[in-house]
Amino acid sequence: MGAVPQIAVAMEELGELISVLSRFVFRGRGTPEDIASEIADVQICVEQFQEVFGGVEFRETVQMIKKQKLERLKNRLSEEKYE
């Protein structure tokens, strides 16, 4: 499957996750298992993206950016703790 069809699948899966989260938060419907199922689908799409967009090199780039964002989040949370 090429990049464009894979993006369309990911959009659908992300929409399903948003829907499950909305039902859970705003209507009190659904279960953590429903959320877990949709997260699993999204994670599968992410793994497929990493292969479609360049395999190991792309995966390493994603991990580097993720590490930077987690560090920034950690710093922000630390700052909020002392405000």
PDB file of N, CA and C in Angstrom:
ATOM      1  N   MET A   1       0.852  -1.168   0.000  1.00  0.00           N
ATOM      2  CA  MET A   1       0.000   0.000   0.000  1.00  0.00           C
ATOM      3  C   MET A   1       0.896   1.229   0.000  1.00  0.00           C
ATOM      4  N   GLY A   2       0.603   2.187  -0.865  1.00  0.00           N
ATOM      5  CA  GLY A   2       1.400   3.399  -0.956  1.00  0.00           C
ATOM      6  C   GLY A   2       1.070   4.401   0.136  1.00  0.00           C
ATOM      7  N   ALA A   3       1.748   5.530   0.066  1.00  0.00           N
ATOM      8  CA  ALA A   3       1.608   6.540   1.117  1.00  0.00           C
ATOM      9  C   ALA A   3       0.197   7.132   1.167  1.00  0.00           C
ATOM     10  N   VAL A   4      -0.374   7.476   0.027  1.00  0.00           N
ATOM     11  CA  VAL A   4      -1.681   8.138   0.030  1.00  0.00           C
ATOM     12  C   VAL A   4      -2.782   7.232   0.585  1.00  0.00           C
ATOM     13  N   PRO A   5      -2.895   5.987   0.140  1.00  0.00           N
ATOM     14  CA  PRO A   5      -3.912   5.124   0.752  1.00  0.00           C
ATOM     15  C   PRO A   5      -3.665   4.896   2.241  1.00  0.00           C
ATOM     16  N   GLN A   6      -2.390   4.819   2.622  1.00  0.00           N
ATOM     17  CA  GLN A   6      -2.057   4.615   4.031  1.00  0.00           C
ATOM     18  C   GLN A   6      -2.467   5.828   4.859  1.00  0.00           C
ATOM     19  N   ILE A   7      -2.292   7.012   4.310  1.00  0.00           N
ATOM     20  CA  ILE A   7      -2.722   8.234   5.002  1.00  0.00           C
ATOM     21  C   ILE A   7      -4.234   8.225   5.179  1.00  0.00           C
ATOM     22  N   ALA A   8      -4.962   7.806   4.164  1.00  0.00           N
ATOM     23  CA  ALA A   8      -6.428   7.740   4.256  1.00  0.00           C
ATOM     24  C   ALA A   8      -6.861   6.771   5.353  1.00  0.00           C
ATOM     25  N   VAL A   9      -6.203   5.627   5.448  1.00  0.00           N
ATOM     26  CA  VAL A   9      -6.519   4.657   6.503  1.00  0.00           C
ATOM     27  C   VAL A   9      -6.224   5.263   7.869  1.00  0.00           C
ATOM     28  N   ALA A  10      -5.092   5.927   7.990  1.00  0.00           N
ATOM     29  CA  ALA A  10      -4.724   6.544   9.267  1.00  0.00           C
ATOM     30  C   ALA A  10      -5.732   7.613   9.664  1.00  0.00           C
ATOM     31  N   MET A  11      -6.185   8.400   8.716  1.00  0.00           N
ATOM     32  CA  MET A  11      -7.185   9.426   9.007  1.00  0.00           C
ATOM     33  C   MET A  11      -8.459   8.790   9.553  1.00  0.00           C
ATOM     34  N   GLU A  12      -8.863   7.688   8.948  1.00  0.00           N
ATOM     35  CA  GLU A  12     -10.058   6.973   9.415  1.00  0.00           C
ATOM     36  C   GLU A  12      -9.841   6.448  10.833  1.00  0.00           C
ATOM     37  N   GLU A  13      -8.696   5.841  11.078  1.00  0.00           N
ATOM     38  CA  GLU A  13      -8.413   5.290  12.417  1.00  0.00           C
ATOM     39  C   GLU A  13      -8.320   6.395  13.466  1.00  0.00           C
ATOM     40  N   LEU A  14      -7.698   7.517  13.123  1.00  0.00           N
ATOM     41  CA  LEU A  14      -7.618   8.645  14.053  1.00  0.00           C
ATOM     42  C   LEU A  14      -9.013   9.189  14.354  1.00  0.00           C
ATOM     43  N   GLY A  15      -9.858   9.240  13.334  1.00  0.00           N
ATOM     44  CA  GLY A  15     -11.242   9.673  13.533  1.00  0.00           C
ATOM     45  C   GLY A  15     -11.987   8.746  14.474  1.00  0.00           C
ATOM     46  N   GLU A  16     -11.759   7.457  14.342  1.00  0.00           N
ATOM     47  CA  GLU A  16     -12.409   6.491  15.226  1.00  0.00           C
ATOM     48  C   GLU A  16     -11.923   6.664  16.667  1.00  0.00           C
ATOM     49  N   LEU A  17     -10.635   6.940  16.840  1.00  0.00           N
ATOM     50  CA  LEU A  17     -10.113   7.181  18.185  1.00  0.00           C
ATOM     51  C   LEU A  17     -10.737   8.438  18.785  1.00  0.00           C
ATOM     52  N   ILE A  18     -10.814   9.501  18.009  1.00  0.00           N
ATOM     53  CA  ILE A  18     -11.437  10.733  18.486  1.00  0.00           C
ATOM     54  C   ILE A  18     -12.890  10.471  18.878  1.00  0.00           C
ATOM     55  N   SER A  19     -13.590   9.718  18.076  1.00  0.00           N
ATOM     56  CA  SER A  19     -14.991   9.403  18.354  1.00  0.00           C
ATOM     57  C   SER A  19     -15.151   8.635  19.662  1.00  0.00           C
ATOM     58  N   VAL A  20     -14.316   7.616  19.867  1.00  0.00           N
ATOM     59  CA  VAL A  20     -14.382   6.811  21.091  1.00  0.00           C
ATOM     60  C   VAL A  20     -14.050   7.678  22.306  1.00  0.00           C
ATOM     61  N   LEU A  21     -13.035   8.517  22.184  1.00  0.00           N
ATOM     62  CA  LEU A  21     -12.662   9.396  23.290  1.00  0.00           C
ATOM     63  C   LEU A  21     -13.775  10.393  23.608  1.00  0.00           C
ATOM     64  N   SER A  22     -14.400  10.938  22.579  1.00  0.00           N
ATOM     65  CA  SER A  22     -15.500  11.883  22.780  1.00  0.00           C
ATOM     66  C   SER A  22     -16.678  11.221  23.480  1.00  0.00           C
ATOM     67  N   ARG A  23     -17.041  10.030  23.025  1.00  0.00           N
ATOM     68  CA  ARG A  23     -18.143   9.308  23.682  1.00  0.00           C
ATOM     69  C   ARG A  23     -17.812   9.021  25.137  1.00  0.00           C
ATOM     70  N   PHE A  24     -16.585   8.659  25.403  1.00  0.00           N
ATOM     71  CA  PHE A  24     -16.157   8.324  26.765  1.00  0.00           C
ATOM     72  C   PHE A  24     -16.196   9.559  27.668  1.00  0.00           C
ATOM     73  N   VAL A  25     -15.662  10.668  27.175  1.00  0.00           N
ATOM     74  CA  VAL A  25     -15.554  11.884  27.990  1.00  0.00           C
ATOM     75  C   VAL A  25     -16.881  12.614  28.121  1.00  0.00           C
ATOM     76  N   PHE A  26     -17.581  12.807  27.009  1.00  0.00           N
ATOM     77  CA  PHE A  26     -18.755  13.670  27.024  1.00  0.00           C
ATOM     78  C   PHE A  26     -20.078  12.949  27.261  1.00  0.00           C
ATOM     79  N   ARG A  27     -20.113  11.663  26.986  1.00  0.00           N
ATOM     80  CA  ARG A  27     -21.365  10.928  27.154  1.00  0.00           C
ATOM     81  C   ARG A  27     -21.276   9.823  28.192  1.00  0.00           C
ATOM     82  N   GLY A  28     -20.078   9.578  28.686  1.00  0.00           N
ATOM     83  CA  GLY A  28     -19.905   8.514  29.669  1.00  0.00           C
ATOM     84  C   GLY A  28     -20.134   7.128  29.096  1.00  0.00           C
ATOM     85  N   ARG A  29     -19.928   6.992  27.806  1.00  0.00           N
ATOM     86  CA  ARG A  29     -20.123   5.696  27.130  1.00  0.00           C
ATOM     87  C   ARG A  29     -18.788   5.125  26.697  1.00  0.00           C
ATOM     88  N   GLY A  30     -18.759   3.823  26.557  1.00  0.00           N
ATOM     89  CA  GLY A  30     -17.544   3.157  26.127  1.00  0.00           C
ATOM     90  C   GLY A  30     -16.709   2.742  27.323  1.00  0.00           C
ATOM     91  N   THR A  31     -15.658   2.022  27.023  1.00  0.00           N
ATOM     92  CA  THR A  31     -14.799   1.472  28.064  1.00  0.00           C
ATOM     93  C   THR A  31     -13.336   1.771  27.749  1.00  0.00           C
ATOM     94  N   PRO A  32     -12.477   1.624  28.745  1.00  0.00           N
ATOM     95  CA  PRO A  32     -11.052   1.748  28.451  1.00  0.00           C
ATOM     96  C   PRO A  32     -10.594   0.748  27.379  1.00  0.00           C
ATOM     97  N   GLU A  33     -11.244  -0.399  27.320  1.00  0.00           N
ATOM     98  CA  GLU A  33     -10.886  -1.393  26.300  1.00  0.00           C
ATOM     99  C   GLU A  33     -11.211  -0.876  24.900  1.00  0.00           C
ATOM    100  N   ASP A  34     -12.323  -0.136  24.763  1.00  0.00           N
ATOM    101  CA  ASP A  34     -12.660   0.466  23.470  1.00  0.00           C
ATOM    102  C   ASP A  34     -11.579   1.451  23.053  1.00  0.00           C
ATOM    103  N   ILE A  35     -11.136   2.250  24.019  1.00  0.00           N
ATOM    104  CA  ILE A  35     -10.079   3.224  23.744  1.00  0.00           C
ATOM    105  C   ILE A  35      -8.785   2.491  23.375  1.00  0.00           C
ATOM    106  N   ALA A  36      -8.457   1.453  24.120  1.00  0.00           N
ATOM    107  CA  ALA A  36      -7.238   0.681  23.848  1.00  0.00           C
ATOM    108  C   ALA A  36      -7.260   0.085  22.445  1.00  0.00           C
ATOM    109  N   SER A  37      -8.405  -0.400  22.027  1.00  0.00           N
ATOM    110  CA  SER A  37      -8.534  -0.991  20.692  1.00  0.00           C
ATOM    111  C   SER A  37      -8.239   0.037  19.605  1.00  0.00           C
ATOM    112  N   GLU A  38      -8.775   1.244  19.778  1.00  0.00           N
ATOM    113  CA  GLU A  38      -8.536   2.283  18.775  1.00  0.00           C
ATOM    114  C   GLU A  38      -7.090   2.786  18.823  1.00  0.00           C
ATOM    115  N   ILE A  39      -6.517   2.866  20.020  1.00  0.00           N
ATOM    116  CA  ILE A  39      -5.103   3.240  20.125  1.00  0.00           C
ATOM    117  C   ILE A  39      -4.236   2.208  19.397  1.00  0.00           C
ATOM    118  N   ALA A  40      -4.562   0.938  19.557  1.00  0.00           N
ATOM    119  CA  ALA A  40      -3.803  -0.116  18.868  1.00  0.00           C
ATOM    120  C   ALA A  40      -3.872   0.067  17.355  1.00  0.00           C
ATOM    121  N   ASP A  41      -5.068   0.381  16.842  1.00  0.00           N
ATOM    122  CA  ASP A  41      -5.209   0.609  15.399  1.00  0.00           C
ATOM    123  C   ASP A  41      -4.349   1.784  14.945  1.00  0.00           C
ATOM    124  N   VAL A  42      -4.358   2.863  15.719  1.00  0.00           N
ATOM    125  CA  VAL A  42      -3.564   4.045  15.366  1.00  0.00           C
ATOM    126  C   VAL A  42      -2.074   3.712  15.425  1.00  0.00           C
ATOM    127  N   GLN A  43      -1.661   2.968  16.437  1.00  0.00           N
ATOM    128  CA  GLN A  43      -0.240   2.604  16.544  1.00  0.00           C
ATOM    129  C   GLN A  43       0.202   1.734  15.373  1.00  0.00           C
ATOM    130  N   ILE A  44      -0.665   0.858  14.920  1.00  0.00           N
ATOM    131  CA  ILE A  44      -0.345   0.038  13.742  1.00  0.00           C
ATOM    132  C   ILE A  44      -0.137   0.943  12.534  1.00  0.00           C
ATOM    133  N   CYS A  45      -1.011   1.939  12.378  1.00  0.00           N
ATOM    134  CA  CYS A  45      -0.861   2.886  11.264  1.00  0.00           C
ATOM    135  C   CYS A  45       0.461   3.634  11.366  1.00  0.00           C
ATOM    136  N   VAL A  46       0.823   4.052  12.562  1.00  0.00           N
ATOM    137  CA  VAL A  46       2.078   4.777  12.763  1.00  0.00           C
ATOM    138  C   VAL A  46       3.261   3.890  12.372  1.00  0.00           C
ATOM    139  N   GLU A  47       3.225   2.638  12.775  1.00  0.00           N
ATOM    140  CA  GLU A  47       4.306   1.715  12.415  1.00  0.00           C
ATOM    141  C   GLU A  47       4.389   1.531  10.904  1.00  0.00           C
ATOM    142  N   GLN A  48       3.227   1.453  10.248  1.00  0.00           N
ATOM    143  CA  GLN A  48       3.224   1.317   8.796  1.00  0.00           C
ATOM    144  C   GLN A  48       3.769   2.582   8.129  1.00  0.00           C
ATOM    145  N   PHE A  49       3.417   3.751   8.668  1.00  0.00           N
ATOM    146  CA  PHE A  49       3.967   5.006   8.143  1.00  0.00           C
ATOM    147  C   PHE A  49       5.478   4.991   8.182  1.00  0.00           C
ATOM    148  N   GLN A  50       6.020   4.511   9.266  1.00  0.00           N
ATOM    149  CA  GLN A  50       7.469   4.519   9.408  1.00  0.00           C
ATOM    150  C   GLN A  50       8.134   3.682   8.321  1.00  0.00           C
ATOM    151  N   GLU A  51       7.482   2.625   7.904  1.00  0.00           N
ATOM    152  CA  GLU A  51       8.026   1.818   6.804  1.00  0.00           C
ATOM    153  C   GLU A  51       7.829   2.520   5.463  1.00  0.00           C
ATOM    154  N   VAL A  52       6.636   3.055   5.237  1.00  0.00           N
ATOM    155  CA  VAL A  52       6.324   3.701   3.962  1.00  0.00           C
ATOM    156  C   VAL A  52       7.220   4.915   3.728  1.00  0.00           C
ATOM    157  N   PHE A  53       7.497   5.676   4.802  1.00  0.00           N
ATOM    158  CA  PHE A  53       8.231   6.917   4.653  1.00  0.00           C
ATOM    159  C   PHE A  53       9.732   6.791   4.856  1.00  0.00           C
ATOM    160  N   GLY A  54      10.269   5.594   4.954  1.00  0.00           N
ATOM    161  CA  GLY A  54      11.715   5.497   4.954  1.00  0.00           C
ATOM    162  C   GLY A  54      12.330   4.500   5.899  1.00  0.00           C
ATOM    163  N   GLY A  55      11.535   3.670   6.521  1.00  0.00           N
ATOM    164  CA  GLY A  55      12.094   2.606   7.337  1.00  0.00           C
ATOM    165  C   GLY A  55      12.893   3.096   8.525  1.00  0.00           C
ATOM    166  N   VAL A  56      14.078   2.548   8.695  1.00  0.00           N
ATOM    167  CA  VAL A  56      14.900   2.783   9.879  1.00  0.00           C
ATOM    168  C   VAL A  56      15.247   4.262  10.034  1.00  0.00           C
ATOM    169  N   GLU A  57      15.667   4.896   8.975  1.00  0.00           N
ATOM    170  CA  GLU A  57      16.063   6.311   9.063  1.00  0.00           C
ATOM    171  C   GLU A  57      14.884   7.183   9.510  1.00  0.00           C
ATOM    172  N   PHE A  58      13.724   6.960   8.933  1.00  0.00           N
ATOM    173  CA  PHE A  58      12.535   7.729   9.306  1.00  0.00           C
ATOM    174  C   PHE A  58      12.158   7.441  10.757  1.00  0.00           C
ATOM    175  N   ARG A  59      12.228   6.175  11.132  1.00  0.00           N
ATOM    176  CA  ARG A  59      11.913   5.772  12.508  1.00  0.00           C
ATOM    177  C   ARG A  59      12.846   6.474  13.496  1.00  0.00           C
ATOM    178  N   GLU A  60      14.126   6.547  13.161  1.00  0.00           N
ATOM    179  CA  GLU A  60      15.091   7.235  14.027  1.00  0.00           C
ATOM    180  C   GLU A  60      14.780   8.723  14.140  1.00  0.00           C
ATOM    181  N   THR A  61      14.366   9.333  13.038  1.00  0.00           N
ATOM    182  CA  THR A  61      13.979  10.749  13.062  1.00  0.00           C
ATOM    183  C   THR A  61      12.775  10.947  13.966  1.00  0.00           C
ATOM    184  N   VAL A  62      11.797  10.083  13.836  1.00  0.00           N
ATOM    185  CA  VAL A  62      10.604  10.161  14.689  1.00  0.00           C
ATOM    186  C   VAL A  62      10.997  10.032  16.156  1.00  0.00           C
ATOM    187  N   GLN A  63      11.862   9.086  16.471  1.00  0.00           N
ATOM    188  CA  GLN A  63      12.287   8.881  17.858  1.00  0.00           C
ATOM    189  C   GLN A  63      13.044  10.089  18.398  1.00  0.00           C
ATOM    190  N   MET A  64      13.869  10.709  17.566  1.00  0.00           N
ATOM    191  CA  MET A  64      14.609  11.889  17.991  1.00  0.00           C
ATOM    192  C   MET A  64      13.644  13.035  18.300  1.00  0.00           C
ATOM    193  N   ILE A  65      12.683  13.264  17.425  1.00  0.00           N
ATOM    194  CA  ILE A  65      11.701  14.327  17.638  1.00  0.00           C
ATOM    195  C   ILE A  65      10.847  14.027  18.855  1.00  0.00           C
ATOM    196  N   LYS A  66      10.453  12.777  19.018  1.00  0.00           N
ATOM    197  CA  LYS A  66       9.666  12.372  20.183  1.00  0.00           C
ATOM    198  C   LYS A  66      10.431  12.647  21.473  1.00  0.00           C
ATOM    199  N   LYS A  67      11.705  12.314  21.481  1.00  0.00           N
ATOM    200  CA  LYS A  67      12.545  12.550  22.658  1.00  0.00           C
ATOM    201  C   LYS A  67      12.592  14.038  22.983  1.00  0.00           C
ATOM    202  N   GLN A  68      12.767  14.890  21.967  1.00  0.00           N
ATOM    203  CA  GLN A  68      12.799  16.329  22.174  1.00  0.00           C
ATOM    204  C   GLN A  68      11.476  16.835  22.749  1.00  0.00           C
ATOM    205  N   LYS A  69      10.372  16.347  22.210  1.00  0.00           N
ATOM    206  CA  LYS A  69       9.054  16.790  22.673  1.00  0.00           C
ATOM    207  C   LYS A  69       8.771  16.318  24.095  1.00  0.00           C
ATOM    208  N   LEU A  70       9.190  15.105  24.416  1.00  0.00           N
ATOM    209  CA  LEU A  70       9.008  14.615  25.786  1.00  0.00           C
ATOM    210  C   LEU A  70       9.841  15.418  26.775  1.00  0.00           C
ATOM    211  N   GLU A  71      11.041  15.803  26.373  1.00  0.00           N
ATOM    212  CA  GLU A  71      11.889  16.631  27.230  1.00  0.00           C
ATOM    213  C   GLU A  71      11.246  17.997  27.452  1.00  0.00           C
ATOM    214  N   ARG A  72      10.715  18.573  26.393  1.00  0.00           N
ATOM    215  CA  ARG A  72      10.033  19.865  26.507  1.00  0.00           C
ATOM    216  C   ARG A  72       8.815  19.764  27.427  1.00  0.00           C
ATOM    217  N   LEU A  73       8.055  18.673  27.292  1.00  0.00           N
ATOM    218  CA  LEU A  73       6.899  18.445  28.160  1.00  0.00           C
ATOM    219  C   LEU A  73       7.332  18.302  29.610  1.00  0.00           C
ATOM    220  N   LYS A  74       8.389  17.551  29.825  1.00  0.00           N
ATOM    221  CA  LYS A  74       8.926  17.365  31.182  1.00  0.00           C
ATOM    222  C   LYS A  74       9.303  18.707  31.798  1.00  0.00           C
ATOM    223  N   ASN A  75       9.961  19.551  31.026  1.00  0.00           N
ATOM    224  CA  ASN A  75      10.353  20.873  31.511  1.00  0.00           C
ATOM    225  C   ASN A  75       9.135  21.739  31.819  1.00  0.00           C
ATOM    226  N   ARG A  76       8.148  21.700  30.942  1.00  0.00           N
ATOM    227  CA  ARG A  76       6.935  22.483  31.166  1.00  0.00           C
ATOM    228  C   ARG A  76       6.207  22.037  32.426  1.00  0.00           C
ATOM    229  N   LEU A  77       6.089  20.726  32.609  1.00  0.00           N
ATOM    230  CA  LEU A  77       5.421  20.197  33.796  1.00  0.00           C
ATOM    231  C   LEU A  77       6.182  20.561  35.058  1.00  0.00           C
ATOM    232  N   SER A  78       7.487  20.550  34.967  1.00  0.00           N
ATOM    233  CA  SER A  78       8.327  20.919  36.102  1.00  0.00           C
ATOM    234  C   SER A  78       8.129  22.398  36.447  1.00  0.00           C
ATOM    235  N   GLU A  79       8.046  23.248  35.430  1.00  0.00           N
ATOM    236  CA  GLU A  79       7.832  24.677  35.650  1.00  0.00           C
ATOM    237  C   GLU A  79       6.457  24.923  36.278  1.00  0.00           C
ATOM    238  N   GLU A  80       5.429  24.223  35.796  1.00  0.00           N
ATOM    239  CA  GLU A  80       4.080  24.394  36.334  1.00  0.00           C
ATOM    240  C   GLU A  80       4.018  23.964  37.794  1.00  0.00           C
ATOM    241  N   LYS A  81       4.805  22.988  38.143  1.00  0.00           N
ATOM    242  CA  LYS A  81       4.827  22.472  39.507  1.00  0.00           C
ATOM    243  C   LYS A  81       5.253  23.559  40.488  1.00  0.00           C
ATOM    244  N   TYR A  82       6.130  24.435  40.044  1.00  0.00           N
ATOM    245  CA  TYR A  82       6.671  25.463  40.928  1.00  0.00           C
ATOM    246  C   TYR A  82       6.006  26.827  40.772  1.00  0.00           C
ATOM    247  N   GLU A  83       4.959  26.921  39.984  1.00  0.00           N
ATOM    248  CA  GLU A  83       4.250  28.205  39.815  1.00  0.00           C
ATOM    249  C   GLU A  83       3.259  28.434  40.920  1.00  0.00           C
TER     250      GLU A  83
END
